[in-house]
Amino acid sequence: MSYSIKNLRDVEDSAVKFGFSDSQESRFPRGDLEAERTGLAYHIVKAGKRQPFAHRHDQAEEITVVLSGHGKVKLDDDVRDIGPRDAIRIAPGVVRAFAAAPDEDLEIVVFGPHHDKDGELVHDDVWGD
């Protein structure tokens, strides 16, 4: 088939199976959509929470779009406030992590090319506090 449609809320929440459901939801619909070259992620960082780890890519440039909520994004050593309809381009190699404001969830969608085994988790305290 030359197209596919899937509601992002109907994609498995990977945060549950990896033990991160207290801080976020994470859905990766690439397989559900049968996408071959495009990566896509849908995250909800819960109010007052941070993603439990940061990550970076060696090859993939990503664009993150804030659908709703407010929060912060940590990009290497910079911390920036973000809100609805903000689009953030993140170059390969940049360590990134998201945090939601205390009173509302942060809902984001991430787009980029898919490269097998391109992501690296960063478990250090990237927020520095």
Protein backbone atom coordinates (compact mmCIF):
# COMPACT_ATOMS: atom_id res chain seq x y z
CA MET A 1 0.00 0.00 0.00
CA SER A 2 1.28 3.50 -0.77
CA TYR A 3 0.07 5.12 2.47
CA SER A 4 -0.80 4.31 6.07
CA ILE A 5 -2.75 6.06 8.82
CA LYS A 6 -2.37 5.46 12.54
CA ASN A 7 -3.52 7.52 15.51
CA LEU A 8 -0.46 8.18 17.67
CA ARG A 9 -2.38 7.34 20.86
CA ASP A 10 -3.00 3.84 19.45
CA VAL A 11 0.73 3.07 19.19
CA GLU A 12 2.30 1.05 22.04
CA ASP A 13 3.68 3.21 24.87
CA SER A 14 7.31 2.10 25.12
CA ALA A 15 7.79 4.02 28.38
CA VAL A 16 5.70 1.37 30.15
CA LYS A 17 7.81 -1.61 29.06
CA PHE A 18 11.07 0.19 29.96
CA GLY A 19 9.86 1.43 33.36
CA PHE A 20 9.63 5.15 32.54
CA SER A 21 5.85 5.58 32.75
CA ASP A 22 6.06 7.68 35.93
CA SER A 23 7.65 10.52 33.93
CA GLN A 24 6.52 10.15 30.32
CA GLU A 25 4.75 8.37 27.50
CA SER A 26 6.84 7.43 24.44
CA ARG A 27 5.34 6.10 21.23
CA PHE A 28 7.36 5.21 18.13
CA PRO A 29 4.96 4.61 15.21
CA ARG A 30 7.52 4.00 12.43
CA GLY A 31 6.75 0.27 12.31
CA ASP A 32 2.99 0.76 12.66
CA LEU A 33 3.13 3.15 9.70
CA GLU A 34 5.48 0.85 7.74
CA ALA A 35 7.86 3.79 7.25
CA GLU A 36 11.16 2.76 5.70
CA ARG A 37 13.30 5.90 5.92
CA THR A 38 11.47 8.28 8.24
CA GLY A 39 11.61 8.21 12.03
CA LEU A 40 8.78 9.56 14.18
CA ALA A 41 8.27 9.75 17.93
CA TYR A 42 5.39 11.03 20.05
CA HIS A 43 6.20 11.88 23.66
CA ILE A 44 4.25 13.27 26.56
CA VAL A 45 6.47 14.41 29.43
CA LYS A 46 4.26 14.50 32.51
CA ALA A 47 3.73 17.75 34.42
CA GLY A 48 6.69 18.60 36.64
CA LYS A 49 8.81 15.73 35.25
CA ARG A 50 11.91 15.42 33.10
CA GLN A 51 12.74 12.70 30.65
CA PRO A 52 14.69 10.07 32.65
CA PHE A 53 17.67 10.25 30.29
CA ALA A 54 19.00 12.36 27.45
CA HIS A 55 20.06 11.09 24.04
CA ARG A 56 21.92 12.02 20.88
CA HIS A 57 22.27 10.74 17.33
CA ASP A 58 25.42 10.30 15.25
CA GLN A 59 23.69 10.83 11.90
CA ALA A 60 20.08 11.95 12.27
CA GLU A 61 19.02 15.57 12.30
CA GLU A 62 15.68 15.85 14.10
CA ILE A 63 12.93 18.42 14.33
CA THR A 64 10.82 18.46 17.47
CA VAL A 65 7.47 20.26 17.46
CA VAL A 66 5.68 21.17 20.68
CA LEU A 67 2.00 20.33 20.27
CA SER A 68 0.87 21.48 23.70
CA GLY A 69 2.19 22.46 27.10
CA HIS A 70 5.25 24.39 28.17
CA GLY A 71 8.61 23.30 29.45
CA LYS A 72 12.31 23.34 28.78
CA VAL A 73 14.68 21.66 26.37
CA LYS A 74 18.32 21.02 27.25
CA LEU A 75 20.54 21.12 24.16
CA ASP A 76 24.12 20.33 25.14
CA ASP A 77 24.88 23.17 27.62
CA ASP A 78 21.92 25.41 26.70
CA VAL A 79 18.50 25.35 28.36
CA ARG A 80 15.64 27.00 26.48
CA ASP A 81 11.98 27.60 27.34
CA ILE A 82 9.55 26.02 24.86
CA GLY A 83 5.83 26.12 24.24
CA PRO A 84 3.06 25.31 21.74
CA ARG A 85 4.02 25.38 18.07
CA ASP A 86 7.74 25.86 18.79
CA ALA A 87 9.81 23.85 16.31
CA ILE A 88 13.32 22.89 17.39
CA ARG A 89 15.92 21.64 14.89
CA ILE A 90 18.53 19.46 16.56
CA ALA A 91 21.74 18.61 14.69
CA PRO A 92 23.44 15.22 14.96
CA GLY A 93 25.65 14.94 18.04
CA VAL A 94 23.65 17.34 20.19
CA VAL A 95 22.58 15.85 23.53
CA ARG A 96 18.91 16.62 24.13
CA ALA A 97 16.36 16.18 26.91
CA PHE A 98 12.94 17.66 27.66
CA ALA A 99 11.20 18.71 30.86
CA ALA A 100 7.56 19.71 31.43
CA ALA A 101 6.40 22.77 33.34
CA PRO A 102 5.14 22.06 36.87
CA ASP A 103 1.46 22.47 36.02
CA GLU A 104 1.00 20.87 32.58
CA ASP A 105 2.15 17.99 30.41
CA LEU A 106 4.53 18.69 27.54
CA GLU A 107 3.35 17.00 24.33
CA ILE A 108 5.92 16.78 21.50
CA VAL A 109 6.35 15.09 18.13
CA VAL A 110 9.83 14.34 16.77
CA PHE A 111 10.58 13.87 13.05
CA GLY A 112 13.80 12.76 11.39
CA PRO A 113 15.42 10.20 9.12
CA HIS A 114 15.68 6.67 10.43
CA HIS A 115 19.18 5.22 10.78
CA ASP A 116 19.53 1.81 12.45
CA LYS A 117 21.41 1.91 15.78
CA ASP A 118 22.00 5.67 15.46
CA GLY A 119 20.78 6.72 18.92
CA GLU A 120 22.85 6.82 22.10
CA LEU A 121 21.32 7.18 25.55
CA VAL A 122 23.05 9.57 27.95
CA HIS A 123 22.35 8.61 31.56
CA ASP A 124 24.47 11.34 33.17
CA ASP A 125 22.64 14.14 34.98
CA VAL A 126 22.52 16.45 31.96
CA TRP A 127 20.48 19.04 33.89
CA GLY A 128 23.29 19.53 36.39
CA ASP A 129 21.21 19.78 39.55
